Structures are given as structure tokens and as C-alpha cells.
C-alpha atoms as a PDB file:
ATOM      1  CA  MET A   1      -6.581  -3.797  13.741  1.00  0.00           C
ATOM      2  CA  ILE A   2      -6.364  -3.757   9.923  1.00  0.00           C
ATOM      3  CA  THR A   3      -6.348  -7.559   9.636  1.00  0.00           C
ATOM      4  CA  GLU A   4      -9.299  -8.043  11.800  1.00  0.00           C
ATOM      5  CA  GLN A   5     -11.183  -5.341   9.790  1.00  0.00           C
ATOM      6  CA  LEU A   6     -10.042  -7.248   6.435  1.00  0.00           C
ATOM      7  CA  ILE A   7     -11.007 -10.739   8.018  1.00  0.00           C
ATOM      8  CA  LEU A   8     -13.210 -10.890  10.748  1.00  0.00           C
ATOM      9  CA  ASN A   9     -15.666  -7.417  10.854  1.00  0.00           C
ATOM     10  CA  LYS A  10     -16.542  -8.054  14.096  1.00  0.00           C
ATOM     11  CA  ASN A  11     -18.827  -5.720  14.797  1.00  0.00           C
ATOM     12  CA  PRO A  12     -20.580  -3.826  11.788  1.00  0.00           C
ATOM     13  CA  ASP A  13     -22.493  -1.240  13.634  1.00  0.00           C
ATOM     14  CA  LYS A  14     -19.056   0.400  14.542  1.00  0.00           C
ATOM     15  CA  LYS A  15     -17.246   2.375  11.793  1.00  0.00           C
ATOM     16  CA  THR A  16     -14.317   1.056  10.405  1.00  0.00           C
ATOM     17  CA  PHE A  17     -12.098   1.658   7.244  1.00  0.00           C
ATOM     18  CA  ALA A  18     -14.245  -0.963   5.652  1.00  0.00           C
ATOM     19  CA  THR A  19     -17.311   0.846   6.313  1.00  0.00           C
ATOM     20  CA  ASP A  20     -16.652   4.527   6.442  1.00  0.00           C
ATOM     21  CA  SER A  21     -17.760   5.838   3.144  1.00  0.00           C
ATOM     22  CA  LYS A  22     -15.318   9.123   3.284  1.00  0.00           C
ATOM     23  CA  SER A  23     -12.200   6.571   3.340  1.00  0.00           C
ATOM     24  CA  GLU A  24     -11.289   3.916   1.039  1.00  0.00           C
ATOM     25  CA  LYS A  25     -11.782   0.100   1.714  1.00  0.00           C
ATOM     26  CA  PRO A  26      -8.755  -1.910   2.831  1.00  0.00           C
ATOM     27  CA  LYS A  27      -8.891  -3.677  -0.376  1.00  0.00           C
ATOM     28  CA  ARG A  28      -8.339  -0.528  -2.856  1.00  0.00           C
ATOM     29  CA  SER A  29      -5.500   0.357  -0.833  1.00  0.00           C
ATOM     30  CA  ILE A  30      -4.080  -3.264  -1.066  1.00  0.00           C
ATOM     31  CA  VAL A  31      -4.617  -3.159  -5.351  1.00  0.00           C
ATOM     32  CA  LYS A  32      -3.285   0.965  -5.123  1.00  0.00           C
ATOM     33  CA  SER A  33      -0.445  -0.871  -3.580  1.00  0.00           C
ATOM     34  CA  LEU A  34       0.284  -3.704  -5.760  1.00  0.00           C
ATOM     35  CA  SER A  35       0.235  -1.409  -8.974  1.00  0.00           C
ATOM     36  CA  TRP A  36       2.537   1.347  -7.926  1.00  0.00           C
ATOM     37  CA  ARG A  37       4.726  -1.386  -6.469  1.00  0.00           C
ATOM     38  CA  ILE A  38       5.082  -2.703 -10.130  1.00  0.00           C
ATOM     39  CA  ILE A  39       5.921   0.626 -11.524  1.00  0.00           C
ATOM     40  CA  GLY A  40       8.266   1.132  -8.520  1.00  0.00           C
ATOM     41  CA  THR A  41       9.794  -1.898  -8.550  1.00  0.00           C
ATOM     42  CA  VAL A  42      10.810  -1.866 -12.625  1.00  0.00           C
ATOM     43  CA  ASP A  43      12.328   1.297 -12.203  1.00  0.00           C
ATOM     44  CA  THR A  44      14.308   0.205  -8.889  1.00  0.00           C
ATOM     45  CA  ILE A  45      15.434  -3.212 -11.087  1.00  0.00           C
ATOM     46  CA  LEU A  46      16.696  -0.676 -13.968  1.00  0.00           C
ATOM     47  CA  ILE A  47      18.210   1.664 -11.913  1.00  0.00           C
ATOM     48  CA  SER A  48      19.888  -1.086 -10.013  1.00  0.00           C
ATOM     49  CA  TRP A  49      21.095  -3.014 -13.376  1.00  0.00           C
ATOM     50  CA  LEU A  50      22.505   0.353 -14.728  1.00  0.00           C
ATOM     51  CA  VAL A  51      24.539   0.909 -11.222  1.00  0.00           C
ATOM     52  CA  THR A  52      25.756  -2.538 -10.925  1.00  0.00           C
ATOM     53  CA  GLY A  53      26.008  -3.899 -13.978  1.00  0.00           C
ATOM     54  CA  THR A  54      24.497  -7.478 -12.907  1.00  0.00           C
ATOM     55  CA  LEU A  55      20.860  -8.083 -13.944  1.00  0.00           C
ATOM     56  CA  THR A  56      20.797 -10.927 -11.056  1.00  0.00           C
ATOM     57  CA  VAL A  57      21.767  -8.358  -8.106  1.00  0.00           C
ATOM     58  CA  ALA A  58      18.981  -5.776 -10.266  1.00  0.00           C
ATOM     59  CA  PHE A  59      16.471  -8.191  -9.619  1.00  0.00           C
ATOM     60  CA  SER A  60      17.431  -9.269  -5.984  1.00  0.00           C
ATOM     61  CA  ILE A  61      17.196  -5.732  -4.903  1.00  0.00           C
ATOM     62  CA  GLY A  62      13.845  -5.635  -6.555  1.00  0.00           C
ATOM     63  CA  THR A  63      12.276  -8.676  -5.076  1.00  0.00           C
ATOM     64  CA  VAL A  64      13.315  -7.213  -1.859  1.00  0.00           C
ATOM     65  CA  GLU A  65      11.963  -3.706  -2.339  1.00  0.00           C
ATOM     66  CA  LEU A  66       8.976  -5.302  -3.641  1.00  0.00           C
ATOM     67  CA  PHE A  67       7.634  -6.613  -0.593  1.00  0.00           C
ATOM     68  CA  THR A  68       9.176  -4.127   1.631  1.00  0.00           C
ATOM     69  CA  LYS A  69       7.453  -1.246  -0.050  1.00  0.00           C
ATOM     70  CA  MET A  70       4.510  -2.234  -0.719  1.00  0.00           C
ATOM     71  CA  ILE A  71       3.834  -3.538   3.028  1.00  0.00           C
ATOM     72  CA  LEU A  72       4.956   0.144   4.074  1.00  0.00           C
ATOM     73  CA  TYR A  73       2.622   1.883   1.046  1.00  0.00           C
ATOM     74  CA  PHE A  74      -0.069  -0.043   2.862  1.00  0.00           C
ATOM     75  CA  PHE A  75       0.504   1.455   6.119  1.00  0.00           C
ATOM     76  CA  HIS A  76       0.842   4.712   4.968  1.00  0.00           C
ATOM     77  CA  GLU A  77      -2.400   4.998   2.871  1.00  0.00           C
ATOM     78  CA  ARG A  78      -4.348   3.463   6.107  1.00  0.00           C
ATOM     79  CA  ILE A  79      -2.601   6.156   8.779  1.00  0.00           C
ATOM     80  CA  TRP A  80      -3.071   8.751   6.457  1.00  0.00           C
ATOM     81  CA  ASN A  81      -6.646   7.473   5.618  1.00  0.00           C
ATOM     82  CA  THR A  82      -7.220   8.457   9.405  1.00  0.00           C
ATOM     83  CA  ILE A  83      -6.019  12.357   9.612  1.00  0.00           C
ATOM     84  CA  ASN A  84      -8.687  14.521   8.399  1.00  0.00           C
ATOM     85  CA  TRP A  85      -6.552  17.385   7.010  1.00  0.00           C
ATOM     86  CA  GLY A  86      -7.574  17.903   3.782  1.00  0.00           C
ATOM     87  CA  LYS A  87     -10.328  16.087   3.149  1.00  0.00           C
ATOM     88  CA  ASN A  88     -14.131  17.383   2.028  1.00  0.00           C
ATOM     89  CA  SER A  89     -15.695  17.171   5.086  1.00  0.00           C
ATOM     90  CA  LYS A  90     -19.005  17.711   3.105  1.00  0.00           C
ATOM     91  CA  LEU A  91     -18.654  14.267   1.444  1.00  0.00           C
END
């Protein structure tokens, strides 16, 4: 569904994440995911290094969590964009 919206946008008349003016476009969510994950991954690497004392292990942990948490965050954002609770309905 989201992949179709990012790549194909089959029906331009149908309101989607990409065309809904009250929600973020998927590209914005991707950029936010990337910027947040850089901060989060540096934090994870530093904590892992302090806990394990091994920089190699810390980078391994940081690399794995970089991808898993970025994907989870993207879908978390997209789901929250569909929820009207707390949004200003006058936009």
C-alpha cells in the first residue's frame, strides 16, 4: 500500500498519504526517519561501547538497530498520520 503510493500513485483523484494536505508526505517521513536514526544510532553505539567495552560489538549492535528501528519508525509515523486524534480539524 505505502510502496504503491511512493512509486505508482495509480489513482490521482483518490486521496492518499501523498496527496492529503493534512498529513505528511511519505518522503518527509523517510527524511525524518533517517535524521532521527542517525541520532539514535550514535546513542546506541555509545551506550553499547560503554556496556561491552568493545567498539566492534557496539558498531554491530548499532548497525542492526539502525535498520530495524528506521523501518519501525516509518510505519509508526504513517499509522499515526491516519489517526485524527489531536489534529487540528481546521487545517
